[in-house]
Amino acid sequence: MKIIILGAGQVGGTLAEHLASEANDITVVDTDGDRLRDLGDRLDIRTVQGRGSFPTVLRQAGADDADMLIAVTNSDEVNMIGCQVAYTLFHTPTKIARVREPAYLTRSGLFTNEAIPIDVLISPEQLVTNYIKRLIEYPGALQVIDFAEGKAQLVAVRAYYGGPLVGQQLRQLREHMPNVDTRVAAIYRRNRPIIPHGDTVIEADDEVFFIAAKGHIRAVMSEMRRLEDSYKRIVIAGGGHVGERLAEAIESRYQVKIIEMNPARCRYLSENLDSTVVLQGSASDKDLLVEENINDADIFLALTNDDEANIMASLLAKRLGARKVMSIINNPAYVDLVQGGEIDIAISPQLTTIGALLTHVRRGDIVSVHSLRRGAAEAIEAIAHGDAKSSKVVGRAIQDIPLPPGTTIGAIIRAEEVLIAHDTTVIESGDHVILFLVDKKYIRDVERLFQVGLTFF
């Protein structure tokens, strides 16, 4: 596939890295020559220096015959105009744009071929808000991913000493919970992935990824660790777009406080939020945190745009007694450094955004793509189509499907039913199939499995 990426920042660069390794023809456009040289030295891609919204620059990048334009510069306006020019002058089939400003996102009818022709709109702030909201709903979870509109969920937990399953083989999970069907999809032990088998023994401190129907998640979590009490009191540091959206989404169910430095922003938040308490000040002000009883907070969320400020505020809140702290970390190099120590969960907006972008780039009928363990593996939701003649998966038992190395099928969602995958499970047309890949170089092979042969048409 011939893809043009506008923007060589963290998202654009990481996306180029993902796609270049999957045998796509990638061209990256940016005004920053140093960034482009760095990318060009590391990856087998073309680079073009210039503004991505200019017709001459897009033509130089190969827009005449490009299959897809992905606009992820830091400017919403450049992203939107780039898509407009690609549609009007070059008839580019698929146009994806990152748009952050809520003033654009709340206008219905703005993103159509008759107005601004963007086929897929990505809002990082909304993606991160949804991600944090799911973590709040499952205390103790490190990652929560929805499949088939939430019918099944993948949850990551850290196995603790004393958990019923710790020190036991995975096959004993069924004996512990005879009425709950679940599948352990992946285990990360000492930062290395393990493909789980029935005789795999769970060790304390393992990160265990399991998939189950939504109603069974808490029961499975209790096998890995002592279940935590539900959160009640939540403190948010940073009243920007993410902080505001999150408070709006959860304030009816939790006691929420926002700490925001900017007086004008504080006034805006207090006028637009219903029951959230808005405090003006710095989240790293020890006296303010003590005064607001941070030691009673169930969760402290550092959601500003400044990584260092988020890290320091989180460390201070934890030292002062906050039960759990989460922090947005924009620099991917920091994520592994801080998570799991004083900071319980580090949230990377880049990885969340890239997962959403990759969903729309994959071939075959791929519904969603999610990075596990900060990009070390992927979970893919694909739809099976066709019949036994035209499809490589329909009508076959899982044990007879030629899955690439390091790939497992975790679950199948059939209409409203969640079926945990077993060797004898037969895939039917219309099934949503959840797969896990430890080695991302086999993604193309997975896509081919779910592409329908000509006899289907």
Protein backbone atom coordinates (compact mmCIF):
# COMPACT_ATOMS: atom_id res chain seq x y z
CA MET A 1 0.00 0.00 0.00
CA LYS A 2 1.27 3.49 -0.88
CA ILE A 3 0.83 5.74 2.17
CA ILE A 4 1.73 9.41 2.73
CA ILE A 5 2.18 10.49 6.36
CA LEU A 6 2.04 14.22 7.13
CA GLY A 7 4.06 14.93 10.26
CA ALA A 8 7.31 13.36 11.48
CA GLY A 9 6.67 13.88 15.20
CA GLN A 10 6.35 11.06 17.73
CA VAL A 11 3.08 9.71 16.29
CA GLY A 12 4.07 10.13 12.63
CA GLY A 13 7.54 8.68 13.19
CA THR A 14 6.29 5.68 15.19
CA LEU A 15 3.54 5.05 12.65
CA ALA A 16 6.08 5.12 9.81
CA GLU A 17 8.19 2.61 11.74
CA HIS A 18 5.22 0.24 12.16
CA LEU A 19 4.12 0.48 8.54
CA ALA A 20 7.56 0.39 6.92
CA SER A 21 8.27 -2.93 8.67
CA GLU A 22 5.14 -4.35 7.02
CA ALA A 23 6.28 -3.82 3.41
CA ASN A 24 4.30 -0.65 2.68
CA ASP A 25 5.55 2.17 0.43
CA ILE A 26 5.82 5.06 2.94
CA THR A 27 6.54 8.75 2.34
CA VAL A 28 6.78 11.14 5.32
CA VAL A 29 6.28 14.90 4.88
CA ASP A 30 7.43 17.47 7.44
CA THR A 31 8.90 20.98 7.60
CA ASP A 32 11.67 19.83 9.96
CA GLY A 33 14.63 18.55 7.91
CA ASP A 34 16.49 17.16 10.93
CA ARG A 35 13.57 14.94 11.91
CA LEU A 36 13.22 13.69 8.35
CA ARG A 37 16.95 12.87 8.10
CA ASP A 38 16.76 10.93 11.35
CA LEU A 39 13.77 8.91 10.10
CA GLY A 40 15.34 8.36 6.68
CA ASP A 41 18.53 7.02 8.25
CA ARG A 42 16.63 4.50 10.38
CA LEU A 43 13.82 3.38 8.07
CA ASP A 44 13.38 2.33 4.45
CA ILE A 45 11.08 5.25 3.56
CA ARG A 46 10.97 8.38 1.36
CA THR A 47 10.94 11.81 2.98
CA VAL A 48 9.82 15.17 1.59
CA GLN A 49 10.51 18.47 3.33
CA GLY A 50 7.70 21.01 3.11
CA ARG A 51 4.25 21.95 4.37
CA GLY A 52 1.85 19.03 4.04
CA SER A 53 -1.09 21.19 2.98
CA PHE A 54 0.68 22.55 -0.14
CA PRO A 55 -0.39 20.90 -3.45
CA THR A 56 3.19 20.98 -4.80
CA VAL A 57 4.52 19.22 -1.72
CA LEU A 58 1.81 16.53 -1.86
CA ARG A 59 2.51 15.93 -5.56
CA GLN A 60 6.23 15.60 -4.78
CA ALA A 61 5.30 13.05 -2.08
CA GLY A 62 3.46 10.95 -4.67
CA ALA A 63 -0.15 11.94 -4.02
CA ASP A 64 -1.08 11.24 -7.67
CA ASP A 65 -1.26 7.50 -6.98
CA ALA A 66 -1.30 7.25 -3.16
CA ASP A 67 -3.76 4.85 -1.55
CA MET A 68 -3.95 6.70 1.75
CA LEU A 69 -3.06 10.01 3.41
CA ILE A 70 -2.54 10.09 7.19
CA ALA A 71 -2.30 13.66 8.54
CA VAL A 72 -0.82 13.77 12.06
CA THR A 73 1.04 17.11 12.19
CA ASN A 74 0.73 19.27 15.32
CA SER A 75 -1.65 21.61 13.45
CA ASP A 76 -5.33 20.66 13.10
CA GLU A 77 -5.62 23.15 10.25
CA VAL A 78 -2.72 21.67 8.25
CA ASN A 79 -4.18 18.19 8.77
CA MET A 80 -7.62 19.26 7.55
CA ILE A 81 -6.39 21.23 4.55
CA GLY A 82 -3.99 18.42 3.61
CA CYS A 83 -6.97 16.04 3.40
CA GLN A 84 -8.98 18.63 1.43
CA VAL A 85 -6.19 19.07 -1.15
CA ALA A 86 -5.61 15.30 -1.40
CA TYR A 87 -9.34 14.77 -2.11
CA THR A 88 -9.87 17.67 -4.50
CA LEU A 89 -6.68 17.51 -6.59
CA PHE A 90 -5.48 13.91 -6.26
CA HIS A 91 -8.65 11.90 -5.47
CA THR A 92 -6.83 10.04 -2.68
CA PRO A 93 -9.16 7.14 -1.67
CA THR A 94 -8.63 7.18 2.11
CA LYS A 95 -7.86 10.24 4.23
CA ILE A 96 -7.20 10.02 7.99
CA ALA A 97 -6.59 13.09 10.16
CA ARG A 98 -5.76 13.79 13.78
CA VAL A 99 -7.93 16.68 15.02
CA ARG A 100 -7.60 17.85 18.64
CA GLU A 101 -9.65 21.02 18.97
CA PRO A 102 -13.13 20.31 20.44
CA ALA A 103 -14.53 23.33 18.58
CA TYR A 104 -14.07 21.35 15.33
CA LEU A 105 -15.12 17.98 16.71
CA THR A 106 -18.47 19.14 18.08
CA ARG A 107 -19.73 20.50 14.73
CA SER A 108 -21.88 17.90 12.99
CA GLY A 109 -21.62 17.74 9.20
CA LEU A 110 -18.20 19.40 9.11
CA PHE A 111 -16.24 16.29 8.09
CA THR A 112 -17.99 15.11 4.92
CA ASN A 113 -16.96 15.05 1.26
CA GLU A 114 -19.14 18.13 0.69
CA ALA A 115 -17.31 20.07 3.46
CA ILE A 116 -13.93 18.82 4.77
CA PRO A 117 -13.37 15.35 3.25
CA ILE A 118 -11.87 13.28 6.09
CA ASP A 119 -12.80 9.59 6.10
CA VAL A 120 -11.46 8.79 9.59
CA LEU A 121 -11.17 11.33 12.38
CA ILE A 122 -8.79 10.57 15.26
CA SER A 123 -9.12 12.53 18.51
CA PRO A 124 -6.24 11.59 20.86
CA GLU A 125 -7.87 13.33 23.82
CA GLN A 126 -11.09 11.32 23.45
CA LEU A 127 -9.17 8.06 23.01
CA VAL A 128 -7.12 8.72 26.17
CA THR A 129 -10.23 9.76 28.12
CA ASN A 130 -12.00 6.49 27.21
CA TYR A 131 -8.87 4.51 28.10
CA ILE A 132 -8.57 6.10 31.58
CA LYS A 133 -12.31 5.68 32.20
CA ARG A 134 -12.01 1.91 31.65
CA LEU A 135 -9.05 1.74 34.06
CA ILE A 136 -11.09 3.53 36.72
CA GLU A 137 -13.93 1.01 36.29
CA TYR A 138 -11.56 -1.91 37.06
CA PRO A 139 -9.39 -1.10 40.10
CA GLY A 140 -6.15 -3.06 39.89
CA ALA A 141 -6.13 -3.38 36.09
CA LEU A 142 -3.04 -2.20 34.17
CA GLN A 143 -4.79 -2.16 30.79
CA VAL A 144 -8.42 -2.66 29.69
CA ILE A 145 -9.36 -3.14 26.02
CA ASP A 146 -12.88 -3.52 24.61
CA PHE A 147 -13.76 -5.89 21.77
CA ALA A 148 -17.03 -6.13 19.81
CA GLU A 149 -18.41 -2.96 21.43
CA GLY A 150 -17.51 -4.11 24.94
CA LYS A 151 -19.03 -7.61 24.83
CA ALA A 152 -15.56 -9.07 25.53
CA GLN A 153 -12.66 -7.37 27.29
CA LEU A 154 -8.94 -7.95 27.51
CA VAL A 155 -7.54 -7.03 30.93
CA ALA A 156 -3.95 -6.92 32.15
CA VAL A 157 -3.23 -7.44 35.86
CA ARG A 158 -0.07 -7.95 37.88
CA ALA A 159 -0.13 -11.29 39.70
CA TYR A 160 0.54 -10.82 43.42
CA TYR A 161 1.95 -13.13 46.08
CA GLY A 162 -0.96 -14.95 47.68
CA GLY A 163 -3.22 -14.88 44.58
CA PRO A 164 -5.13 -18.20 44.24
CA LEU A 165 -3.48 -19.00 40.87
CA VAL A 166 0.06 -17.80 41.61
CA GLY A 167 2.44 -20.76 41.60
CA GLN A 168 -0.07 -22.95 39.75
CA GLN A 169 -0.47 -24.06 36.14
CA LEU A 170 -2.88 -22.20 33.87
CA ARG A 171 -4.94 -25.32 33.22
CA GLN A 172 -6.07 -25.12 36.86
CA LEU A 173 -7.93 -21.89 36.11
CA ARG A 174 -10.89 -23.97 34.87
CA GLU A 175 -10.91 -25.99 38.13
CA HIS A 176 -10.91 -22.79 40.20
CA MET A 177 -13.77 -21.27 38.17
CA PRO A 178 -15.82 -24.03 36.53
CA ASN A 179 -18.60 -21.60 35.54
CA VAL A 180 -16.34 -18.93 33.98
CA ASP A 181 -14.68 -19.37 30.60
CA THR A 182 -11.51 -17.31 30.08
CA ARG A 183 -8.25 -17.48 28.21
CA VAL A 184 -4.83 -16.13 29.20
CA ALA A 185 -3.62 -14.50 25.99
CA ALA A 186 -0.13 -13.40 26.98
CA ILE A 187 2.19 -13.17 29.98
CA TYR A 188 5.01 -10.66 30.43
CA ARG A 189 7.67 -11.85 32.83
CA ARG A 190 10.72 -9.71 33.54
CA ASN A 191 9.90 -7.61 30.44
CA ARG A 192 9.79 -10.58 28.09
CA PRO A 193 6.67 -12.04 26.43
CA ILE A 194 5.70 -15.66 27.09
CA ILE A 195 3.18 -17.52 24.94
CA PRO A 196 1.03 -19.25 27.57
CA HIS A 197 0.27 -22.99 27.50
CA GLY A 198 -1.71 -25.20 29.86
CA ASP A 199 1.40 -26.11 31.85
CA THR A 200 2.66 -22.50 32.17
CA VAL A 201 3.03 -21.59 35.85
CA ILE A 202 2.02 -18.06 36.88
CA GLU A 203 4.66 -16.33 38.98
CA ALA A 204 4.28 -13.37 41.30
CA ASP A 205 4.87 -10.04 39.47
CA ASP A 206 3.88 -11.52 36.08
CA GLU A 207 1.76 -9.20 33.95
CA VAL A 208 -1.09 -11.48 32.89
CA PHE A 209 -3.33 -10.57 29.92
CA PHE A 210 -6.61 -12.47 29.89
CA ILE A 211 -9.78 -12.22 27.81
CA ALA A 212 -13.31 -12.98 29.00
CA ALA A 213 -16.90 -11.82 28.63
CA LYS A 214 -17.37 -8.43 30.30
CA GLY A 215 -19.46 -9.91 33.13
CA HIS A 216 -16.69 -12.36 34.09
CA ILE A 217 -13.76 -9.93 34.31
CA ARG A 218 -13.87 -9.30 38.08
CA ALA A 219 -14.06 -13.02 38.84
CA VAL A 220 -10.93 -13.73 36.79
CA MET A 221 -9.07 -10.76 38.31
CA SER A 222 -9.71 -12.21 41.77
CA GLU A 223 -7.77 -15.35 40.78
CA MET A 224 -4.61 -13.30 40.09
CA ARG A 225 -4.73 -10.85 42.96
CA ARG A 226 -6.84 -9.61 45.86
CA LEU A 227 -9.67 -7.53 44.43
CA GLU A 228 -9.38 -3.84 45.24
CA ASP A 229 -12.29 -1.76 46.52
CA SER A 230 -14.00 0.45 43.96
CA TYR A 231 -12.66 3.98 43.64
CA LYS A 232 -14.69 6.80 45.19
CA ARG A 233 -12.48 9.89 45.54
CA ILE A 234 -10.56 10.98 42.42
CA VAL A 235 -8.13 13.91 42.08
CA ILE A 236 -7.23 15.12 38.58
CA ALA A 237 -4.14 17.29 38.06
CA GLY A 238 -4.63 19.38 34.90
CA GLY A 239 -7.87 20.85 33.60
CA GLY A 240 -7.04 20.67 29.90
CA HIS A 241 -9.07 18.81 27.28
CA VAL A 242 -8.41 15.35 28.78
CA GLY A 243 -8.98 16.45 32.39
CA GLU A 244 -12.22 18.24 31.49
CA ARG A 245 -13.59 15.34 29.40
CA LEU A 246 -12.73 12.78 32.05
CA ALA A 247 -14.32 14.81 34.86
CA GLU A 248 -17.44 15.28 32.72
CA ALA A 249 -17.63 11.51 32.06
CA ILE A 250 -17.20 10.33 35.67
CA GLU A 251 -18.44 13.13 37.98
CA SER A 252 -21.91 11.59 38.33
CA ARG A 253 -20.43 8.39 39.84
CA TYR A 254 -17.35 9.59 41.74
CA GLN A 255 -16.24 12.48 43.97
CA VAL A 256 -13.97 14.42 41.59
CA LYS A 257 -11.57 17.31 42.21
CA ILE A 258 -9.53 19.08 39.49
CA ILE A 259 -6.37 21.05 40.28
CA GLU A 260 -5.66 23.63 37.56
CA MET A 261 -3.06 26.42 37.50
CA ASN A 262 -4.72 28.84 35.06
CA PRO A 263 -7.36 31.10 36.74
CA ALA A 264 -9.34 31.64 33.51
CA ARG A 265 -9.43 27.88 32.85
CA CYS A 266 -10.58 27.31 36.44
CA ARG A 267 -13.52 29.69 35.91
CA TYR A 268 -14.42 27.91 32.66
CA LEU A 269 -14.31 24.47 34.33
CA SER A 270 -16.37 25.55 37.35
CA GLU A 271 -19.05 26.96 35.01
CA ASN A 272 -19.18 23.90 32.72
CA LEU A 273 -18.85 20.96 35.13
CA ASP A 274 -21.74 19.94 37.39
CA SER A 275 -20.40 18.50 40.64
CA THR A 276 -16.60 18.53 40.17
CA VAL A 277 -14.70 20.68 42.70
CA VAL A 278 -12.25 22.97 40.85
CA LEU A 279 -9.12 24.10 42.74
CA GLN A 280 -6.69 26.74 41.48
CA GLY A 281 -3.05 25.92 42.18
CA SER A 282 -0.14 23.63 41.38
CA ALA A 283 -0.54 19.85 41.67
CA SER A 284 3.03 19.70 43.00
CA ASP A 285 2.20 22.10 45.87
CA LYS A 286 2.57 19.88 48.94
CA ASP A 287 0.55 22.18 51.20
CA LEU A 288 -2.37 22.22 48.75
CA LEU A 289 -2.38 18.43 48.45
CA VAL A 290 -2.26 17.96 52.22
CA GLU A 291 -5.01 20.55 52.71
CA GLU A 292 -7.21 18.69 50.19
CA ASN A 293 -6.65 15.37 52.00
CA ILE A 294 -4.70 13.64 49.24
CA ASN A 295 -4.14 10.75 51.67
CA ASP A 296 -7.87 9.96 51.33
CA ALA A 297 -7.76 9.95 47.50
CA ASP A 298 -8.35 6.58 45.86
CA ILE A 299 -6.69 7.68 42.65
CA PHE A 300 -4.54 10.64 41.57
CA LEU A 301 -4.42 11.33 37.82
CA ALA A 302 -1.68 13.61 36.41
CA LEU A 303 -3.06 14.73 33.03
CA THR A 304 -1.15 17.90 32.09
CA ASN A 305 0.88 18.27 28.88
CA ASP A 306 4.17 18.38 30.81
CA ASP A 307 5.75 14.95 31.42
CA GLU A 308 8.11 16.17 34.14
CA ALA A 309 5.31 18.00 35.98
CA ASN A 310 3.12 14.87 35.77
CA ILE A 311 5.88 12.63 37.11
CA MET A 312 6.79 14.92 40.01
CA ALA A 313 3.15 15.55 40.99
CA SER A 314 2.44 11.79 40.87
CA LEU A 315 5.47 10.94 43.03
CA LEU A 316 4.48 13.59 45.58
CA ALA A 317 0.84 12.42 45.69
CA LYS A 318 1.95 8.82 46.23
CA ARG A 319 4.33 9.80 49.04
CA LEU A 320 1.52 11.78 50.70
CA GLY A 321 -0.73 8.73 50.74
CA ALA A 322 -2.77 8.58 47.49
CA ARG A 323 -3.83 4.95 47.05
CA LYS A 324 -3.02 4.78 43.33
CA VAL A 325 -1.45 7.21 40.84
CA MET A 326 -1.64 7.32 37.05
CA SER A 327 0.18 9.72 34.78
CA ILE A 328 0.10 10.72 31.13
CA ILE A 329 3.62 10.37 29.70
CA ASN A 330 4.10 11.76 26.20
CA ASN A 331 7.75 10.75 25.83
CA PRO A 332 7.74 6.99 25.04
CA ALA A 333 11.27 6.67 26.46
CA TYR A 334 9.92 7.60 29.91
CA VAL A 335 7.01 5.14 29.97
CA ASP A 336 8.94 1.99 30.89
CA LEU A 337 11.14 3.97 33.28
CA VAL A 338 8.33 5.16 35.53
CA GLN A 339 5.59 2.51 35.35
CA GLY A 340 5.39 -0.06 38.12
CA GLY A 341 7.39 1.89 40.69
CA GLU A 342 5.83 4.79 42.56
CA ILE A 343 3.67 5.48 39.50
CA ASP A 344 1.20 2.61 39.09
CA ILE A 345 0.22 3.21 35.46
CA ALA A 346 1.91 5.35 32.80
CA ILE A 347 -0.45 6.25 29.95
CA SER A 348 1.02 6.90 26.50
CA PRO A 349 -1.28 8.99 24.24
CA GLN A 350 1.00 8.13 21.29
CA LEU A 351 0.46 4.38 21.61
CA THR A 352 -3.28 4.85 22.08
CA THR A 353 -3.43 7.02 18.94
CA ILE A 354 -1.23 4.68 16.90
CA GLY A 355 -3.46 1.72 17.76
CA ALA A 356 -6.49 3.62 16.45
CA LEU A 357 -4.62 4.63 13.28
CA LEU A 358 -3.37 1.10 12.58
CA THR A 359 -6.96 -0.17 12.73
CA HIS A 360 -7.70 1.73 9.52
CA VAL A 361 -4.51 0.75 7.70
CA ARG A 362 -4.69 -3.03 8.05
CA ARG A 363 -5.89 -5.12 5.12
CA GLY A 364 -8.64 -7.71 5.46
CA ASP A 365 -11.68 -7.00 7.62
CA ILE A 366 -9.77 -5.76 10.67
CA VAL A 367 -12.05 -4.02 13.19
CA SER A 368 -9.47 -2.91 15.74
CA VAL A 369 -5.80 -3.13 16.60
CA HIS A 370 -4.43 -2.57 20.13
CA SER A 371 -0.88 -2.48 21.42
CA LEU A 372 -0.20 -4.61 24.49
CA ARG A 373 2.61 -3.88 26.91
CA ARG A 374 3.48 -0.56 25.25
CA GLY A 375 3.87 -1.97 21.75
CA ALA A 376 5.60 -5.29 22.45
CA ALA A 377 2.65 -7.25 21.05
CA GLU A 378 -0.70 -6.63 19.39
CA ALA A 379 -4.30 -7.71 19.90
CA ILE A 380 -6.35 -7.75 16.70
CA GLU A 381 -10.11 -8.05 16.20
CA ALA A 382 -10.95 -9.42 12.74
CA ILE A 383 -14.24 -10.45 11.14
CA ALA A 384 -14.44 -13.80 9.32
CA HIS A 385 -16.32 -13.68 5.98
CA GLY A 386 -17.11 -16.13 3.21
CA ASP A 387 -17.50 -19.89 3.33
CA ALA A 388 -15.28 -22.97 3.51
CA LYS A 389 -14.30 -22.52 -0.17
CA SER A 390 -13.49 -18.81 -0.21
CA SER A 391 -12.09 -18.33 3.32
CA LYS A 392 -8.99 -19.73 5.02
CA VAL A 393 -10.72 -19.64 8.44
CA VAL A 394 -14.51 -20.12 8.02
CA GLY A 395 -15.65 -23.69 8.60
CA ARG A 396 -12.35 -24.72 10.19
CA ALA A 397 -11.56 -25.71 13.73
CA ILE A 398 -8.94 -23.45 15.35
CA GLN A 399 -6.44 -26.33 15.50
CA ASP A 400 -6.64 -26.63 11.68
CA ILE A 401 -6.03 -22.93 10.90
CA PRO A 402 -2.45 -22.21 9.72
CA LEU A 403 -1.72 -19.43 12.24
CA PRO A 404 1.66 -17.65 11.90
CA PRO A 405 4.31 -18.37 14.58
CA GLY A 406 3.62 -16.67 17.93
CA THR A 407 -0.05 -16.07 17.04
CA THR A 408 -2.97 -17.35 19.10
CA ILE A 409 -6.76 -16.98 18.91
CA GLY A 410 -8.13 -15.91 22.28
CA ALA A 411 -11.87 -15.57 21.78
CA ILE A 412 -14.69 -15.48 19.25
CA ILE A 413 -17.69 -13.18 19.55
CA ARG A 414 -20.72 -14.64 17.74
CA ALA A 415 -23.72 -12.30 17.80
CA GLU A 416 -24.20 -11.61 21.55
CA GLU A 417 -22.23 -14.67 22.71
CA VAL A 418 -18.57 -14.66 23.78
CA LEU A 419 -16.86 -17.98 23.05
CA ILE A 420 -13.42 -18.52 24.57
CA ALA A 421 -11.27 -20.22 21.90
CA HIS A 422 -10.47 -23.92 22.19
CA ASP A 423 -8.74 -26.16 19.64
CA THR A 424 -12.02 -27.71 18.47
CA THR A 425 -13.95 -24.41 18.16
CA VAL A 426 -15.13 -23.96 14.55
CA ILE A 427 -15.19 -20.42 13.12
CA GLU A 428 -18.36 -19.31 11.33
CA SER A 429 -18.95 -16.49 8.86
CA GLY A 430 -19.62 -13.22 10.70
CA ASP A 431 -17.62 -14.20 13.80
CA HIS A 432 -15.44 -11.53 15.41
CA VAL A 433 -12.11 -13.29 16.04
CA ILE A 434 -9.68 -11.92 18.66
CA LEU A 435 -6.04 -12.77 17.89
CA PHE A 436 -2.80 -12.07 19.73
CA LEU A 437 0.57 -11.61 18.04
CA VAL A 438 3.84 -11.62 19.95
CA ASP A 439 5.84 -11.00 16.73
CA LYS A 440 4.44 -8.09 14.71
CA LYS A 441 6.24 -9.11 11.52
CA TYR A 442 3.49 -11.71 10.99
CA ILE A 443 0.67 -9.13 10.85
CA ARG A 444 0.52 -9.35 7.04
CA ASP A 445 0.02 -13.14 7.31
CA VAL A 446 -2.89 -12.63 9.72
CA GLU A 447 -4.47 -10.11 7.34
CA ARG A 448 -4.20 -12.59 4.46
CA LEU A 449 -5.94 -15.25 6.55
CA PHE A 450 -9.00 -13.00 6.80
CA GLN A 451 -9.06 -11.86 3.17
CA VAL A 452 -11.80 -13.55 1.17
CA GLY A 453 -10.99 -15.38 -2.07
CA LEU A 454 -12.61 -14.46 -5.40
CA THR A 455 -15.09 -17.34 -5.16
CA PHE A 456 -16.90 -15.38 -2.44
CA PHE A 457 -17.98 -12.61 -4.84
